[in-house]
Amino acid sequence: VGEDFNALAAQYPTMPARAGVMTRDGYSWLSKDAF
């Protein structure tokens, strides 16, 4: 309840898929390579 999950996840090493997140016009998606 009320937890900042992004902050919790940040306590662990970032996984490589994260580098493939692309954002435009307020929306995000995964690049083909990362997917």
All heavy atoms as atom14 arrays in JSON, in Angstrom:
{
  "sequence": "VGEDFNALAAQYPTMPARAGVMTRDGYSWLSKDAF",
  "atom14_mask": [
    [1, 1, 1, 1, 1, 1, 1, 0, 0, 0, 0, 0, 0, 0],
    [1, 1, 1, 1, 0, 0, 0, 0, 0, 0, 0, 0, 0, 0],
    [1, 1, 1, 1, 1, 1, 1, 1, 1, 0, 0, 0, 0, 0],
    [1, 1, 1, 1, 1, 1, 1, 1, 0, 0, 0, 0, 0, 0],
    [1, 1, 1, 1, 1, 1, 1, 1, 1, 1, 1, 0, 0, 0],
    [1, 1, 1, 1, 1, 1, 1, 1, 0, 0, 0, 0, 0, 0],
    [1, 1, 1, 1, 1, 0, 0, 0, 0, 0, 0, 0, 0, 0],
    [1, 1, 1, 1, 1, 1, 1, 1, 0, 0, 0, 0, 0, 0],
    [1, 1, 1, 1, 1, 0, 0, 0, 0, 0, 0, 0, 0, 0],
    [1, 1, 1, 1, 1, 0, 0, 0, 0, 0, 0, 0, 0, 0],
    [1, 1, 1, 1, 1, 1, 1, 1, 1, 0, 0, 0, 0, 0],
    [1, 1, 1, 1, 1, 1, 1, 1, 1, 1, 1, 1, 0, 0],
    [1, 1, 1, 1, 1, 1, 1, 0, 0, 0, 0, 0, 0, 0],
    [1, 1, 1, 1, 1, 1, 1, 0, 0, 0, 0, 0, 0, 0],
    [1, 1, 1, 1, 1, 1, 1, 1, 0, 0, 0, 0, 0, 0],
    [1, 1, 1, 1, 1, 1, 1, 0, 0, 0, 0, 0, 0, 0],
    [1, 1, 1, 1, 1, 0, 0, 0, 0, 0, 0, 0, 0, 0],
    [1, 1, 1, 1, 1, 1, 1, 1, 1, 1, 1, 0, 0, 0],
    [1, 1, 1, 1, 1, 0, 0, 0, 0, 0, 0, 0, 0, 0],
    [1, 1, 1, 1, 0, 0, 0, 0, 0, 0, 0, 0, 0, 0],
    [1, 1, 1, 1, 1, 1, 1, 0, 0, 0, 0, 0, 0, 0],
    [1, 1, 1, 1, 1, 1, 1, 1, 0, 0, 0, 0, 0, 0],
    [1, 1, 1, 1, 1, 1, 1, 0, 0, 0, 0, 0, 0, 0],
    [1, 1, 1, 1, 1, 1, 1, 1, 1, 1, 1, 0, 0, 0],
    [1, 1, 1, 1, 1, 1, 1, 1, 0, 0, 0, 0, 0, 0],
    [1, 1, 1, 1, 0, 0, 0, 0, 0, 0, 0, 0, 0, 0],
    [1, 1, 1, 1, 1, 1, 1, 1, 1, 1, 1, 1, 0, 0],
    [1, 1, 1, 1, 1, 1, 0, 0, 0, 0, 0, 0, 0, 0],
    [1, 1, 1, 1, 1, 1, 1, 1, 1, 1, 1, 1, 1, 1],
    [1, 1, 1, 1, 1, 1, 1, 1, 0, 0, 0, 0, 0, 0],
    [1, 1, 1, 1, 1, 1, 0, 0, 0, 0, 0, 0, 0, 0],
    [1, 1, 1, 1, 1, 1, 1, 1, 1, 0, 0, 0, 0, 0],
    [1, 1, 1, 1, 1, 1, 1, 1, 0, 0, 0, 0, 0, 0],
    [1, 1, 1, 1, 1, 0, 0, 0, 0, 0, 0, 0, 0, 0],
    [1, 1, 1, 1, 1, 1, 1, 1, 1, 1, 1, 0, 0, 0]
  ],
  "atom14_positions": [
    [[0.84, -1.2, 0.0], [0.0, 0.0, 0.0], [0.88, 1.26, 0.0], [1.75, 1.42, 0.86], [-0.93, 0.01, 1.23], [-1.72, 1.31, 1.29], [-1.86, -1.19, 1.2], [0.0, 0.0, 0.0], [0.0, 0.0, 0.0], [0.0, 0.0, 0.0], [0.0, 0.0, 0.0], [0.0, 0.0, 0.0], [0.0, 0.0, 0.0], [0.0, 0.0, 0.0]],
    [[0.66, 2.12, -1.0], [1.37, 3.39, -1.09], [2.83, 3.28, -1.42], [3.55, 4.31, -1.46], [0.0, 0.0, 0.0], [0.0, 0.0, 0.0], [0.0, 0.0, 0.0], [0.0, 0.0, 0.0], [0.0, 0.0, 0.0], [0.0, 0.0, 0.0], [0.0, 0.0, 0.0], [0.0, 0.0, 0.0], [0.0, 0.0, 0.0], [0.0, 0.0, 0.0]],
    [[3.32, 2.11, -1.71], [4.75, 1.9, -1.94], [5.2, 2.5, -3.28], [4.52, 2.36, -4.29], [5.06, 0.41, -1.92], [6.53, 0.06, -2.05], [6.77, -1.42, -1.82], [6.17, -2.24, -2.56], [7.51, -1.77, -0.88], [0.0, 0.0, 0.0], [0.0, 0.0, 0.0], [0.0, 0.0, 0.0], [0.0, 0.0, 0.0], [0.0, 0.0, 0.0]],
    [[6.35, 3.14, -3.27], [7.0, 3.6, -4.49], [7.76, 2.41, -5.07], [8.9, 2.13, -4.67], [7.94, 4.76, -4.19], [8.6, 5.34, -5.44], [8.6, 4.65, -6.48], [9.14, 6.45, -5.36], [0.0, 0.0, 0.0], [0.0, 0.0, 0.0], [0.0, 0.0, 0.0], [0.0, 0.0, 0.0], [0.0, 0.0, 0.0], [0.0, 0.0, 0.0]],
    [[7.13, 1.7, -5.99], [7.74, 0.47, -6.49], [8.99, 0.75, -7.29], [9.94, -0.05, -7.29], [6.74, -0.32, -7.33], [7.2, -1.73, -7.6], [6.92, -2.74, -6.68], [7.91, -2.05, -8.74], [7.36, -4.04, -6.9], [8.35, -3.34, -8.97], [8.07, -4.35, -8.05], [0.0, 0.0, 0.0], [0.0, 0.0, 0.0], [0.0, 0.0, 0.0]],
    [[9.03, 1.88, -7.97], [10.24, 2.23, -8.72], [11.43, 2.38, -7.78], [12.55, 1.96, -8.11], [10.02, 3.52, -9.51], [9.01, 3.35, -10.63], [8.86, 2.25, -11.17], [8.31, 4.41, -10.97], [0.0, 0.0, 0.0], [0.0, 0.0, 0.0], [0.0, 0.0, 0.0], [0.0, 0.0, 0.0], [0.0, 0.0, 0.0], [0.0, 0.0, 0.0]],
    [[11.2, 2.96, -6.6], [12.28, 3.1, -5.63], [12.72, 1.74, -5.1], [13.91, 1.49, -4.89], [11.84, 4.01, -4.49], [0.0, 0.0, 0.0], [0.0, 0.0, 0.0], [0.0, 0.0, 0.0], [0.0, 0.0, 0.0], [0.0, 0.0, 0.0], [0.0, 0.0, 0.0], [0.0, 0.0, 0.0], [0.0, 0.0, 0.0], [0.0, 0.0, 0.0]],
    [[11.76, 0.85, -4.87], [12.1, -0.5, -4.43], [12.94, -1.22, -5.48], [13.99, -1.81, -5.18], [10.83, -1.29, -4.13], [11.02, -2.78, -3.8], [11.81, -2.96, -2.52], [9.66, -3.48, -3.68], [0.0, 0.0, 0.0], [0.0, 0.0, 0.0], [0.0, 0.0, 0.0], [0.0, 0.0, 0.0], [0.0, 0.0, 0.0], [0.0, 0.0, 0.0]],
    [[12.5, -1.14, -6.74], [13.22, -1.82, -7.82], [14.62, -1.24, -8.0], [15.55, -1.97, -8.39], [12.42, -1.71, -9.11], [0.0, 0.0, 0.0], [0.0, 0.0, 0.0], [0.0, 0.0, 0.0], [0.0, 0.0, 0.0], [0.0, 0.0, 0.0], [0.0, 0.0, 0.0], [0.0, 0.0, 0.0], [0.0, 0.0, 0.0], [0.0, 0.0, 0.0]],
    [[14.78, 0.04, -7.7], [16.09, 0.69, -7.88], [17.13, 0.17, -6.9], [18.33, 0.42, -7.07], [15.94, 2.19, -7.73], [0.0, 0.0, 0.0], [0.0, 0.0, 0.0], [0.0, 0.0, 0.0], [0.0, 0.0, 0.0], [0.0, 0.0, 0.0], [0.0, 0.0, 0.0], [0.0, 0.0, 0.0], [0.0, 0.0, 0.0], [0.0, 0.0, 0.0]],
    [[16.71, -0.56, -5.87], [17.65, -1.16, -4.92], [18.32, -2.41, -5.49], [19.23, -2.97, -4.87], [16.94, -1.49, -3.62], [16.35, -0.27, -2.91], [15.63, -0.67, -1.64], [16.17, -1.34, -0.78], [14.38, -0.23, -1.51], [0.0, 0.0, 0.0], [0.0, 0.0, 0.0], [0.0, 0.0, 0.0], [0.0, 0.0, 0.0], [0.0, 0.0, 0.0]],
    [[17.86, -2.85, -6.66], [18.43, -4.01, -7.33], [19.09, -3.56, -8.63], [18.7, -2.55, -9.21], [17.33, -5.02, -7.63], [16.7, -5.62, -6.4], [15.7, -4.93, -5.7], [17.1, -6.85, -5.91], [15.13, -5.47, -4.56], [16.53, -7.4, -4.77], [15.55, -6.71, -4.09], [14.99, -7.23, -2.96], [0.0, 0.0, 0.0], [0.0, 0.0, 0.0]],
    [[20.07, -4.32, -9.13], [20.7, -3.96, -10.4], [19.68, -3.83, -11.53], [18.75, -4.64, -11.64], [21.67, -5.12, -10.65], [21.99, -5.64, -9.28], [20.72, -5.48, -8.49], [0.0, 0.0, 0.0], [0.0, 0.0, 0.0], [0.0, 0.0, 0.0], [0.0, 0.0, 0.0], [0.0, 0.0, 0.0], [0.0, 0.0, 0.0], [0.0, 0.0, 0.0]],
    [[19.86, -2.81, -12.37], [18.98, -2.59, -13.51], [19.21, -3.67, -14.56], [20.35, -4.01, -14.88], [19.23, -1.2, -14.13], [19.01, -0.21, -13.13], [18.31, -0.95, -15.32], [0.0, 0.0, 0.0], [0.0, 0.0, 0.0], [0.0, 0.0, 0.0], [0.0, 0.0, 0.0], [0.0, 0.0, 0.0], [0.0, 0.0, 0.0], [0.0, 0.0, 0.0]],
    [[18.14, -4.2, -15.1], [18.23, -5.25, -16.1], [18.36, -4.65, -17.5], [17.92, -3.53, -17.75], [17.02, -6.18, -16.0], [16.81, -6.74, -14.59], [18.29, -7.53, -13.9], [18.38, -9.03, -14.88], [0.0, 0.0, 0.0], [0.0, 0.0, 0.0], [0.0, 0.0, 0.0], [0.0, 0.0, 0.0], [0.0, 0.0, 0.0], [0.0, 0.0, 0.0]],
    [[18.96, -5.39, -18.44], [19.3, -4.8, -19.74], [18.11, -4.36, -20.59], [18.27, -3.48, -21.43], [20.1, -5.91, -20.43], [19.83, -7.15, -19.66], [19.53, -6.74, -18.27], [0.0, 0.0, 0.0], [0.0, 0.0, 0.0], [0.0, 0.0, 0.0], [0.0, 0.0, 0.0], [0.0, 0.0, 0.0], [0.0, 0.0, 0.0], [0.0, 0.0, 0.0]],
    [[16.93, -4.95, -20.4], [15.79, -4.53, -21.21], [15.48, -3.05, -21.01], [14.95, -2.4, -21.92], [14.56, -5.37, -20.88], [0.0, 0.0, 0.0], [0.0, 0.0, 0.0], [0.0, 0.0, 0.0], [0.0, 0.0, 0.0], [0.0, 0.0, 0.0], [0.0, 0.0, 0.0], [0.0, 0.0, 0.0], [0.0, 0.0, 0.0], [0.0, 0.0, 0.0]],
    [[15.81, -2.52, -19.84], [15.49, -1.12, -19.53], [16.11, -0.16, -20.54], [15.51, 0.87, -20.87], [15.98, -0.8, -18.11], [15.78, 0.64, -17.69], [14.3, 0.99, -17.6], [14.1, 2.4, -17.36], [12.92, 3.0, -17.41], [11.83, 2.3, -17.67], [12.81, 4.29, -17.19], [0.0, 0.0, 0.0], [0.0, 0.0, 0.0], [0.0, 0.0, 0.0]],
    [[17.29, -0.49, -21.05], [17.96, 0.39, -22.01], [17.2, 0.5, -23.32], [17.45, 1.43, -24.11], [19.38, -0.1, -22.27], [0.0, 0.0, 0.0], [0.0, 0.0, 0.0], [0.0, 0.0, 0.0], [0.0, 0.0, 0.0], [0.0, 0.0, 0.0], [0.0, 0.0, 0.0], [0.0, 0.0, 0.0], [0.0, 0.0, 0.0], [0.0, 0.0, 0.0]],
    [[16.26, -0.42, -23.56], [15.51, -0.39, -24.81], [14.19, 0.35, -24.74], [13.43, 0.37, -25.72], [0.0, 0.0, 0.0], [0.0, 0.0, 0.0], [0.0, 0.0, 0.0], [0.0, 0.0, 0.0], [0.0, 0.0, 0.0], [0.0, 0.0, 0.0], [0.0, 0.0, 0.0], [0.0, 0.0, 0.0], [0.0, 0.0, 0.0], [0.0, 0.0, 0.0]],
    [[13.88, 0.99, -23.6], [12.64, 1.75, -23.48], [12.75, 3.04, -24.27], [13.69, 3.83, -24.09], [12.31, 2.05, -22.0], [11.06, 2.92, -21.91], [12.12, 0.75, -21.23], [0.0, 0.0, 0.0], [0.0, 0.0, 0.0], [0.0, 0.0, 0.0], [0.0, 0.0, 0.0], [0.0, 0.0, 0.0], [0.0, 0.0, 0.0], [0.0, 0.0, 0.0]],
    [[11.81, 3.27, -25.15], [11.77, 4.46, -25.99], [10.51, 5.24, -25.68], [9.45, 4.64, -25.45], [11.82, 4.07, -27.47], [12.98, 3.13, -27.81], [12.86, 2.44, -29.47], [13.17, 3.92, -30.45], [0.0, 0.0, 0.0], [0.0, 0.0, 0.0], [0.0, 0.0, 0.0], [0.0, 0.0, 0.0], [0.0, 0.0, 0.0], [0.0, 0.0, 0.0]],
    [[10.59, 6.57, -25.66], [9.45, 7.41, -25.28], [9.26, 8.53, -26.3], [10.22, 9.15, -26.75], [9.66, 8.01, -23.88], [9.82, 6.95, -22.94], [8.47, 8.86, -23.47], [0.0, 0.0, 0.0], [0.0, 0.0, 0.0], [0.0, 0.0, 0.0], [0.0, 0.0, 0.0], [0.0, 0.0, 0.0], [0.0, 0.0, 0.0], [0.0, 0.0, 0.0]],
    [[7.99, 8.75, -26.62], [7.63, 9.85, -27.53], [6.19, 10.23, -27.29], [5.33, 9.35, -27.14], [7.83, 9.43, -28.99], [7.5, 10.53, -30.0], [7.81, 10.1, -31.41], [7.46, 11.11, -32.38], [7.66, 11.01, -33.69], [8.2, 9.89, -34.17], [7.31, 11.97, -34.49], [0.0, 0.0, 0.0], [0.0, 0.0, 0.0], [0.0, 0.0, 0.0]],
    [[5.93, 11.53, -27.24], [4.57, 12.06, -27.09], [3.83, 11.46, -25.9], [2.62, 11.2, -25.95], [3.76, 11.81, -28.37], [4.34, 12.52, -29.59], [4.97, 13.59, -29.4], [4.2, 12.0, -30.71], [0.0, 0.0, 0.0], [0.0, 0.0, 0.0], [0.0, 0.0, 0.0], [0.0, 0.0, 0.0], [0.0, 0.0, 0.0], [0.0, 0.0, 0.0]],
    [[4.55, 11.24, -24.81], [3.91, 10.77, -23.58], [3.68, 9.28, -23.5], [3.06, 8.8, -22.54], [0.0, 0.0, 0.0], [0.0, 0.0, 0.0], [0.0, 0.0, 0.0], [0.0, 0.0, 0.0], [0.0, 0.0, 0.0], [0.0, 0.0, 0.0], [0.0, 0.0, 0.0], [0.0, 0.0, 0.0], [0.0, 0.0, 0.0], [0.0, 0.0, 0.0]],
    [[4.18, 8.5, -24.47], [4.02, 7.05, -24.46], [5.37, 6.37, -24.63], [6.29, 6.94, -25.24], [3.07, 6.59, -25.57], [1.63, 6.9, -25.26], [1.08, 8.14, -25.58], [0.83, 5.96, -24.61], [-0.23, 8.43, -25.26], [-0.49, 6.25, -24.3], [-1.02, 7.48, -24.62], [-2.32, 7.77, -24.3], [0.0, 0.0, 0.0], [0.0, 0.0, 0.0]],
    [[5.49, 5.16, -24.08], [6.74, 4.42, -24.14], [6.51, 3.03, -24.72], [5.41, 2.48, -24.63], [7.35, 4.28, -22.74], [7.67, 5.53, -22.19], [0.0, 0.0, 0.0], [0.0, 0.0, 0.0], [0.0, 0.0, 0.0], [0.0, 0.0, 0.0], [0.0, 0.0, 0.0], [0.0, 0.0, 0.0], [0.0, 0.0, 0.0], [0.0, 0.0, 0.0]],
    [[7.55, 2.46, -25.3], [7.5, 1.1, -25.84], [8.92, 0.54, -25.82], [9.89, 1.27, -25.6], [6.92, 1.1, -27.25], [7.73, 1.86, -28.26], [8.67, 1.35, -29.12], [7.67, 3.27, -28.53], [9.21, 2.35, -29.89], [8.61, 3.54, -29.55], [6.92, 4.33, -28.0], [8.82, 4.82, -30.04], [7.14, 5.61, -28.49], [8.07, 5.85, -29.51]],
    [[9.03, -0.76, -26.05], [10.34, -1.41, -26.09], [10.83, -1.52, -27.53], [10.07, -1.88, -28.43], [10.25, -2.82, -25.5], [10.5, -3.02, -24.01], [10.51, -4.52, -23.69], [11.78, -2.38, -23.54], [0.0, 0.0, 0.0], [0.0, 0.0, 0.0], [0.0, 0.0, 0.0], [0.0, 0.0, 0.0], [0.0, 0.0, 0.0], [0.0, 0.0, 0.0]],
    [[12.1, -1.22, -27.71], [12.69, -1.36, -29.04], [12.68, -2.82, -29.48], [12.6, -3.74, -28.65], [14.13, -0.85, -29.02], [14.96, -1.72, -28.27], [0.0, 0.0, 0.0], [0.0, 0.0, 0.0], [0.0, 0.0, 0.0], [0.0, 0.0, 0.0], [0.0, 0.0, 0.0], [0.0, 0.0, 0.0], [0.0, 0.0, 0.0], [0.0, 0.0, 0.0]],
    [[12.78, -3.03, -30.77], [12.77, -4.39, -31.3], [13.93, -5.21, -30.73], [13.76, -6.37, -30.33], [12.85, -4.35, -32.83], [12.76, -5.72, -33.5], [12.94, -5.62, -34.99], [11.82, -4.82, -35.63], [11.94, -4.79, -37.12], [0.0, 0.0, 0.0], [0.0, 0.0, 0.0], [0.0, 0.0, 0.0], [0.0, 0.0, 0.0], [0.0, 0.0, 0.0]],
    [[15.1, -4.63, -30.69], [16.27, -5.36, -30.2], [16.1, -5.76, -28.74], [16.35, -6.92, -28.37], [17.53, -4.5, -30.36], [18.78, -5.22, -29.88], [19.18, -6.21, -30.53], [19.36, -4.8, -28.86], [0.0, 0.0, 0.0], [0.0, 0.0, 0.0], [0.0, 0.0, 0.0], [0.0, 0.0, 0.0], [0.0, 0.0, 0.0], [0.0, 0.0, 0.0]],
    [[15.66, -4.83, -27.9], [15.48, -5.14, -26.47], [14.39, -6.18, -26.27], [14.51, -7.05, -25.4], [15.16, -3.87, -25.7], [0.0, 0.0, 0.0], [0.0, 0.0, 0.0], [0.0, 0.0, 0.0], [0.0, 0.0, 0.0], [0.0, 0.0, 0.0], [0.0, 0.0, 0.0], [0.0, 0.0, 0.0], [0.0, 0.0, 0.0], [0.0, 0.0, 0.0]],
    [[13.34, -6.09, -27.05], [12.24, -7.04, -26.91], [12.7, -8.45, -27.24], [12.44, -9.4, -26.49], [11.09, -6.63, -27.84], [9.77, -7.27, -27.53], [8.77, -6.55, -26.9], [9.52, -8.59, -27.88], [7.54, -7.14, -26.6], [8.3, -9.19, -27.58], [7.31, -8.46, -26.94], [0.0, 0.0, 0.0], [0.0, 0.0, 0.0], [0.0, 0.0, 0.0]]
  ]
}
